[in-house]
Amino acid sequence: ARRSGSMFGGLLIAGGMALAIVAVHYGKL
């Protein structure tokens, strides 16, 4: 599961951090 695990894990990290950035920027936390 080395290639697919790294690919999906990287996509989840990138998407999660994008959501956190949107929350901090637009939510004025």
PDB file of all heavy atoms in Angstrom:
ATOM      1  N   ALA A   1       0.819  -1.218   0.000  1.00  0.00           N
ATOM      2  CA  ALA A   1       0.000   0.000   0.000  1.00  0.00           C
ATOM      3  C   ALA A   1       0.850   1.264   0.000  1.00  0.00           C
ATOM      4  O   ALA A   1       0.365   2.333   0.313  1.00  0.00           O
ATOM      5  CB  ALA A   1      -0.915  -0.002   1.212  1.00  0.00           C
ATOM      6  N   ARG A   2       2.115   1.151  -0.375  1.00  0.00           N
ATOM      7  CA  ARG A   2       3.037   2.273  -0.245  1.00  0.00           C
ATOM      8  C   ARG A   2       2.645   3.445  -1.158  1.00  0.00           C
ATOM      9  O   ARG A   2       2.551   4.577  -0.714  1.00  0.00           O
ATOM     10  CB  ARG A   2       4.444   1.819  -0.566  1.00  0.00           C
ATOM     11  CG  ARG A   2       5.477   2.859  -0.261  1.00  0.00           C
ATOM     12  CD  ARG A   2       6.826   2.256  -0.262  1.00  0.00           C
ATOM     13  NE  ARG A   2       6.850   1.218   0.757  1.00  0.00           N
ATOM     14  CZ  ARG A   2       7.933   0.803   1.359  1.00  0.00           C
ATOM     15  NH1 ARG A   2       9.071   1.316   1.032  1.00  0.00           N
ATOM     16  NH2 ARG A   2       7.886  -0.129   2.273  1.00  0.00           N
ATOM     17  N   ARG A   3       2.420   3.192  -2.426  1.00  0.00           N
ATOM     18  CA  ARG A   3       2.150   4.277  -3.364  1.00  0.00           C
ATOM     19  C   ARG A   3       0.775   4.893  -3.142  1.00  0.00           C
ATOM     20  O   ARG A   3       0.631   6.105  -3.059  1.00  0.00           O
ATOM     21  CB  ARG A   3       2.268   3.766  -4.791  1.00  0.00           C
ATOM     22  CG  ARG A   3       2.103   4.861  -5.811  1.00  0.00           C
ATOM     23  CD  ARG A   3       2.374   4.379  -7.192  1.00  0.00           C
ATOM     24  NE  ARG A   3       3.789   4.038  -7.309  1.00  0.00           N
ATOM     25  CZ  ARG A   3       4.294   3.335  -8.300  1.00  0.00           C
ATOM     26  NH1 ARG A   3       3.512   2.885  -9.247  1.00  0.00           N
ATOM     27  NH2 ARG A   3       5.574   3.066  -8.344  1.00  0.00           N
ATOM     28  N   SER A   4      -0.252   4.072  -3.032  1.00  0.00           N
ATOM     29  CA  SER A   4      -1.602   4.617  -2.871  1.00  0.00           C
ATOM     30  C   SER A   4      -1.794   5.249  -1.494  1.00  0.00           C
ATOM     31  O   SER A   4      -2.472   6.273  -1.361  1.00  0.00           O
ATOM     32  CB  SER A   4      -2.653   3.529  -3.102  1.00  0.00           C
ATOM     33  OG  SER A   4      -2.513   2.499  -2.147  1.00  0.00           O
ATOM     34  N   GLY A   5      -1.199   4.677  -0.466  1.00  0.00           N
ATOM     35  CA  GLY A   5      -1.308   5.255   0.879  1.00  0.00           C
ATOM     36  C   GLY A   5      -0.672   6.622   0.958  1.00  0.00           C
ATOM     37  O   GLY A   5      -1.214   7.554   1.552  1.00  0.00           O
ATOM     38  N   SER A   6       0.495   6.766   0.333  1.00  0.00           N
ATOM     39  CA  SER A   6       1.162   8.069   0.330  1.00  0.00           C
ATOM     40  C   SER A   6       0.386   9.092  -0.486  1.00  0.00           C
ATOM     41  O   SER A   6       0.294  10.260  -0.113  1.00  0.00           O
ATOM     42  CB  SER A   6       2.579   7.930  -0.221  1.00  0.00           C
ATOM     43  OG  SER A   6       3.358   7.149   0.641  1.00  0.00           O
ATOM     44  N   MET A   7      -0.179   8.667  -1.620  1.00  0.00           N
ATOM     45  CA  MET A   7      -0.924   9.595  -2.470  1.00  0.00           C
ATOM     46  C   MET A   7      -2.192  10.082  -1.762  1.00  0.00           C
ATOM     47  O   MET A   7      -2.432  11.291  -1.674  1.00  0.00           O
ATOM     48  CB  MET A   7      -1.300   8.933  -3.787  1.00  0.00           C
ATOM     49  CG  MET A   7      -2.037   9.873  -4.727  1.00  0.00           C
ATOM     50  SD  MET A   7      -2.569   9.089  -6.237  1.00  0.00           S
ATOM     51  CE  MET A   7      -3.810   7.963  -5.638  1.00  0.00           C
ATOM     52  N   PHE A   8      -2.992   9.169  -1.248  1.00  0.00           N
ATOM     53  CA  PHE A   8      -4.231   9.568  -0.576  1.00  0.00           C
ATOM     54  C   PHE A   8      -3.948  10.309   0.723  1.00  0.00           C
ATOM     55  O   PHE A   8      -4.656  11.246   1.080  1.00  0.00           O
ATOM     56  CB  PHE A   8      -5.131   8.356  -0.316  1.00  0.00           C
ATOM     57  CG  PHE A   8      -5.735   7.788  -1.559  1.00  0.00           C
ATOM     58  CD1 PHE A   8      -5.677   6.439  -1.809  1.00  0.00           C
ATOM     59  CD2 PHE A   8      -6.342   8.608  -2.494  1.00  0.00           C
ATOM     60  CE1 PHE A   8      -6.219   5.902  -2.960  1.00  0.00           C
ATOM     61  CE2 PHE A   8      -6.894   8.089  -3.638  1.00  0.00           C
ATOM     62  CZ  PHE A   8      -6.831   6.728  -3.888  1.00  0.00           C
ATOM     63  N   GLY A   9      -2.925   9.906   1.441  1.00  0.00           N
ATOM     64  CA  GLY A   9      -2.557  10.608   2.663  1.00  0.00           C
ATOM     65  C   GLY A   9      -2.116  12.031   2.388  1.00  0.00           C
ATOM     66  O   GLY A   9      -2.503  12.967   3.101  1.00  0.00           O
ATOM     67  N   GLY A  10      -1.327  12.226   1.351  1.00  0.00           N
ATOM     68  CA  GLY A  10      -0.904  13.574   0.972  1.00  0.00           C
ATOM     69  C   GLY A  10      -2.064  14.444   0.544  1.00  0.00           C
ATOM     70  O   GLY A  10      -2.131  15.636   0.873  1.00  0.00           O
ATOM     71  N   LEU A  11      -3.002  13.869  -0.196  1.00  0.00           N
ATOM     72  CA  LEU A  11      -4.195  14.620  -0.608  1.00  0.00           C
ATOM     73  C   LEU A  11      -5.050  15.007   0.598  1.00  0.00           C
ATOM     74  O   LEU A  11      -5.588  16.119   0.663  1.00  0.00           O
ATOM     75  CB  LEU A  11      -5.025  13.811  -1.603  1.00  0.00           C
ATOM     76  CG  LEU A  11      -4.446  13.685  -3.008  1.00  0.00           C
ATOM     77  CD1 LEU A  11      -5.285  12.730  -3.838  1.00  0.00           C
ATOM     78  CD2 LEU A  11      -4.361  15.042  -3.668  1.00  0.00           C
ATOM     79  N   LEU A  12      -5.178  14.102   1.564  1.00  0.00           N
ATOM     80  CA  LEU A  12      -5.946  14.414   2.773  1.00  0.00           C
ATOM     81  C   LEU A  12      -5.285  15.514   3.592  1.00  0.00           C
ATOM     82  O   LEU A  12      -5.965  16.409   4.114  1.00  0.00           O
ATOM     83  CB  LEU A  12      -6.116  13.163   3.635  1.00  0.00           C
ATOM     84  CG  LEU A  12      -7.254  12.234   3.261  1.00  0.00           C
ATOM     85  CD1 LEU A  12      -7.191  10.964   4.101  1.00  0.00           C
ATOM     86  CD2 LEU A  12      -8.580  12.909   3.440  1.00  0.00           C
ATOM     87  N   ILE A  13      -3.966  15.469   3.700  1.00  0.00           N
ATOM     88  CA  ILE A  13      -3.262  16.520   4.447  1.00  0.00           C
ATOM     89  C   ILE A  13      -3.425  17.860   3.743  1.00  0.00           C
ATOM     90  O   ILE A  13      -3.697  18.882   4.388  1.00  0.00           O
ATOM     91  CB  ILE A  13      -1.781  16.154   4.636  1.00  0.00           C
ATOM     92  CG1 ILE A  13      -1.659  14.996   5.626  1.00  0.00           C
ATOM     93  CG2 ILE A  13      -0.975  17.351   5.120  1.00  0.00           C
ATOM     94  CD1 ILE A  13      -0.263  14.462   5.777  1.00  0.00           C
ATOM     95  N   ALA A  14      -3.259  17.879   2.425  1.00  0.00           N
ATOM     96  CA  ALA A  14      -3.391  19.134   1.678  1.00  0.00           C
ATOM     97  C   ALA A  14      -4.810  19.691   1.779  1.00  0.00           C
ATOM     98  O   ALA A  14      -5.009  20.890   2.011  1.00  0.00           O
ATOM     99  CB  ALA A  14      -3.013  18.910   0.225  1.00  0.00           C
ATOM    100  N   GLY A  15      -5.804  18.836   1.639  1.00  0.00           N
ATOM    101  CA  GLY A  15      -7.193  19.295   1.742  1.00  0.00           C
ATOM    102  C   GLY A  15      -7.552  19.760   3.143  1.00  0.00           C
ATOM    103  O   GLY A  15      -8.250  20.759   3.328  1.00  0.00           O
ATOM    104  N   GLY A  16      -7.065  19.041   4.144  1.00  0.00           N
ATOM    105  CA  GLY A  16      -7.346  19.413   5.527  1.00  0.00           C
ATOM    106  C   GLY A  16      -6.723  20.744   5.904  1.00  0.00           C
ATOM    107  O   GLY A  16      -7.347  21.576   6.566  1.00  0.00           O
ATOM    108  N   MET A  17      -5.503  20.961   5.477  1.00  0.00           N
ATOM    109  CA  MET A  17      -4.849  22.230   5.789  1.00  0.00           C
ATOM    110  C   MET A  17      -5.484  23.385   5.009  1.00  0.00           C
ATOM    111  O   MET A  17      -5.556  24.508   5.511  1.00  0.00           O
ATOM    112  CB  MET A  17      -3.352  22.150   5.493  1.00  0.00           C
ATOM    113  CG  MET A  17      -2.604  21.269   6.466  1.00  0.00           C
ATOM    114  SD  MET A  17      -2.682  21.884   8.164  1.00  0.00           S
ATOM    115  CE  MET A  17      -3.793  20.750   8.931  1.00  0.00           C
ATOM    116  N   ALA A  18      -5.976  23.118   3.798  1.00  0.00           N
ATOM    117  CA  ALA A  18      -6.694  24.153   3.045  1.00  0.00           C
ATOM    118  C   ALA A  18      -7.978  24.544   3.775  1.00  0.00           C
ATOM    119  O   ALA A  18      -8.322  25.731   3.853  1.00  0.00           O
ATOM    120  CB  ALA A  18      -7.004  23.663   1.635  1.00  0.00           C
ATOM    121  N   LEU A  19      -8.690  23.569   4.332  1.00  0.00           N
ATOM    122  CA  LEU A  19      -9.889  23.871   5.115  1.00  0.00           C
ATOM    123  C   LEU A  19      -9.541  24.689   6.360  1.00  0.00           C
ATOM    124  O   LEU A  19     -10.266  25.622   6.721  1.00  0.00           O
ATOM    125  CB  LEU A  19     -10.585  22.581   5.550  1.00  0.00           C
ATOM    126  CG  LEU A  19     -11.583  21.981   4.585  1.00  0.00           C
ATOM    127  CD1 LEU A  19     -12.098  20.662   5.141  1.00  0.00           C
ATOM    128  CD2 LEU A  19     -12.719  22.918   4.321  1.00  0.00           C
ATOM    129  N   ALA A  20      -8.444  24.364   6.999  1.00  0.00           N
ATOM    130  CA  ALA A  20      -8.037  25.108   8.190  1.00  0.00           C
ATOM    131  C   ALA A  20      -7.667  26.548   7.833  1.00  0.00           C
ATOM    132  O   ALA A  20      -8.007  27.482   8.569  1.00  0.00           O
ATOM    133  CB  ALA A  20      -6.862  24.416   8.866  1.00  0.00           C
ATOM    134  N   ILE A  21      -7.005  26.747   6.700  1.00  0.00           N
ATOM    135  CA  ILE A  21      -6.644  28.100   6.267  1.00  0.00           C
ATOM    136  C   ILE A  21      -7.895  28.912   5.946  1.00  0.00           C
ATOM    137  O   ILE A  21      -8.013  30.081   6.326  1.00  0.00           O
ATOM    138  CB  ILE A  21      -5.683  28.040   5.071  1.00  0.00           C
ATOM    139  CG1 ILE A  21      -4.325  27.549   5.539  1.00  0.00           C
ATOM    140  CG2 ILE A  21      -5.561  29.391   4.379  1.00  0.00           C
ATOM    141  CD1 ILE A  21      -3.369  27.213   4.418  1.00  0.00           C
ATOM    142  N   VAL A  22      -8.848  28.298   5.259  1.00  0.00           N
ATOM    143  CA  VAL A  22     -10.107  28.990   4.945  1.00  0.00           C
ATOM    144  C   VAL A  22     -10.838  29.361   6.222  1.00  0.00           C
ATOM    145  O   VAL A  22     -11.382  30.464   6.354  1.00  0.00           O
ATOM    146  CB  VAL A  22     -10.985  28.106   4.033  1.00  0.00           C
ATOM    147  CG1 VAL A  22     -12.409  28.602   3.970  1.00  0.00           C
ATOM    148  CG2 VAL A  22     -10.394  28.049   2.636  1.00  0.00           C
ATOM    149  N   ALA A  23     -10.843  28.464   7.201  1.00  0.00           N
ATOM    150  CA  ALA A  23     -11.533  28.743   8.466  1.00  0.00           C
ATOM    151  C   ALA A  23     -10.888  29.886   9.208  1.00  0.00           C
ATOM    152  O   ALA A  23     -11.593  30.768   9.751  1.00  0.00           O
ATOM    153  CB  ALA A  23     -11.536  27.481   9.334  1.00  0.00           C
ATOM    154  N   VAL A  24      -9.573  29.931   9.234  1.00  0.00           N
ATOM    155  CA  VAL A  24      -8.895  31.016   9.959  1.00  0.00           C
ATOM    156  C   VAL A  24      -9.064  32.333   9.223  1.00  0.00           C
ATOM    157  O   VAL A  24      -9.319  33.371   9.849  1.00  0.00           O
ATOM    158  CB  VAL A  24      -7.390  30.672  10.140  1.00  0.00           C
ATOM    159  CG1 VAL A  24      -6.621  31.881  10.637  1.00  0.00           C
ATOM    160  CG2 VAL A  24      -7.244  29.529  11.130  1.00  0.00           C
ATOM    161  N   HIS A  25      -8.990  32.313   7.901  1.00  0.00           N
ATOM    162  CA  HIS A  25      -9.054  33.564   7.137  1.00  0.00           C
ATOM    163  C   HIS A  25     -10.463  34.154   7.120  1.00  0.00           C
ATOM    164  O   HIS A  25     -10.657  35.314   7.439  1.00  0.00           O
ATOM    165  CB  HIS A  25      -8.568  33.326   5.717  1.00  0.00           C
ATOM    166  CG  HIS A  25      -8.589  34.564   4.881  1.00  0.00           C
ATOM    167  ND1 HIS A  25      -7.668  35.567   5.042  1.00  0.00           N
ATOM    168  CD2 HIS A  25      -9.408  34.950   3.885  1.00  0.00           C
ATOM    169  CE1 HIS A  25      -7.924  36.521   4.187  1.00  0.00           C
ATOM    170  NE2 HIS A  25      -8.984  36.191   3.471  1.00  0.00           N
ATOM    171  N   TYR A  26     -11.439  33.356   6.743  1.00  0.00           N
ATOM    172  CA  TYR A  26     -12.798  33.878   6.590  1.00  0.00           C
ATOM    173  C   TYR A  26     -13.581  33.866   7.897  1.00  0.00           C
ATOM    174  O   TYR A  26     -14.535  34.621   8.068  1.00  0.00           O
ATOM    175  CB  TYR A  26     -13.566  33.097   5.533  1.00  0.00           C
ATOM    176  CG  TYR A  26     -13.085  33.389   4.148  1.00  0.00           C
ATOM    177  CD1 TYR A  26     -12.370  32.454   3.420  1.00  0.00           C
ATOM    178  CD2 TYR A  26     -13.339  34.622   3.552  1.00  0.00           C
ATOM    179  CE1 TYR A  26     -11.930  32.716   2.153  1.00  0.00           C
ATOM    180  CE2 TYR A  26     -12.889  34.900   2.280  1.00  0.00           C
ATOM    181  CZ  TYR A  26     -12.182  33.944   1.581  1.00  0.00           C
ATOM    182  OH  TYR A  26     -11.739  34.211   0.312  1.00  0.00           O
ATOM    183  N   GLY A  27     -13.210  33.006   8.833  1.00  0.00           N
ATOM    184  CA  GLY A  27     -13.932  32.930  10.094  1.00  0.00           C
ATOM    185  C   GLY A  27     -13.415  33.888  11.139  1.00  0.00           C
ATOM    186  O   GLY A  27     -13.992  34.036  12.200  1.00  0.00           O
ATOM    187  N   LYS A  28     -12.295  34.540  10.839  1.00  0.00           N
ATOM    188  CA  LYS A  28     -11.701  35.532  11.744  1.00  0.00           C
ATOM    189  C   LYS A  28     -11.496  34.955  13.149  1.00  0.00           C
ATOM    190  O   LYS A  28     -11.927  35.521  14.138  1.00  0.00           O
ATOM    191  CB  LYS A  28     -12.532  36.799  11.775  1.00  0.00           C
ATOM    192  CG  LYS A  28     -12.592  37.490  10.427  1.00  0.00           C
ATOM    193  CD  LYS A  28     -13.544  38.652  10.456  1.00  0.00           C
ATOM    194  CE  LYS A  28     -13.638  39.356   9.136  1.00  0.00           C
ATOM    195  NZ  LYS A  28     -13.977  38.511   7.989  1.00  0.00           N
ATOM    196  N   LEU A  29     -10.835  33.801  13.205  1.00  0.00           N
ATOM    197  CA  LEU A  29     -10.592  33.144  14.489  1.00  0.00           C
ATOM    198  C   LEU A  29      -9.454  33.798  15.256  1.00  0.00           C
ATOM    199  O   LEU A  29      -9.381  33.706  16.468  1.00  0.00           O
ATOM    200  CB  LEU A  29     -10.296  31.668  14.279  1.00  0.00           C
ATOM    201  CG  LEU A  29     -11.458  30.829  13.761  1.00  0.00           C
ATOM    202  CD1 LEU A  29     -11.011  29.419  13.521  1.00  0.00           C
ATOM    203  CD2 LEU A  29     -12.604  30.860  14.741  1.00  0.00           C
TER     204      LEU A  29
END
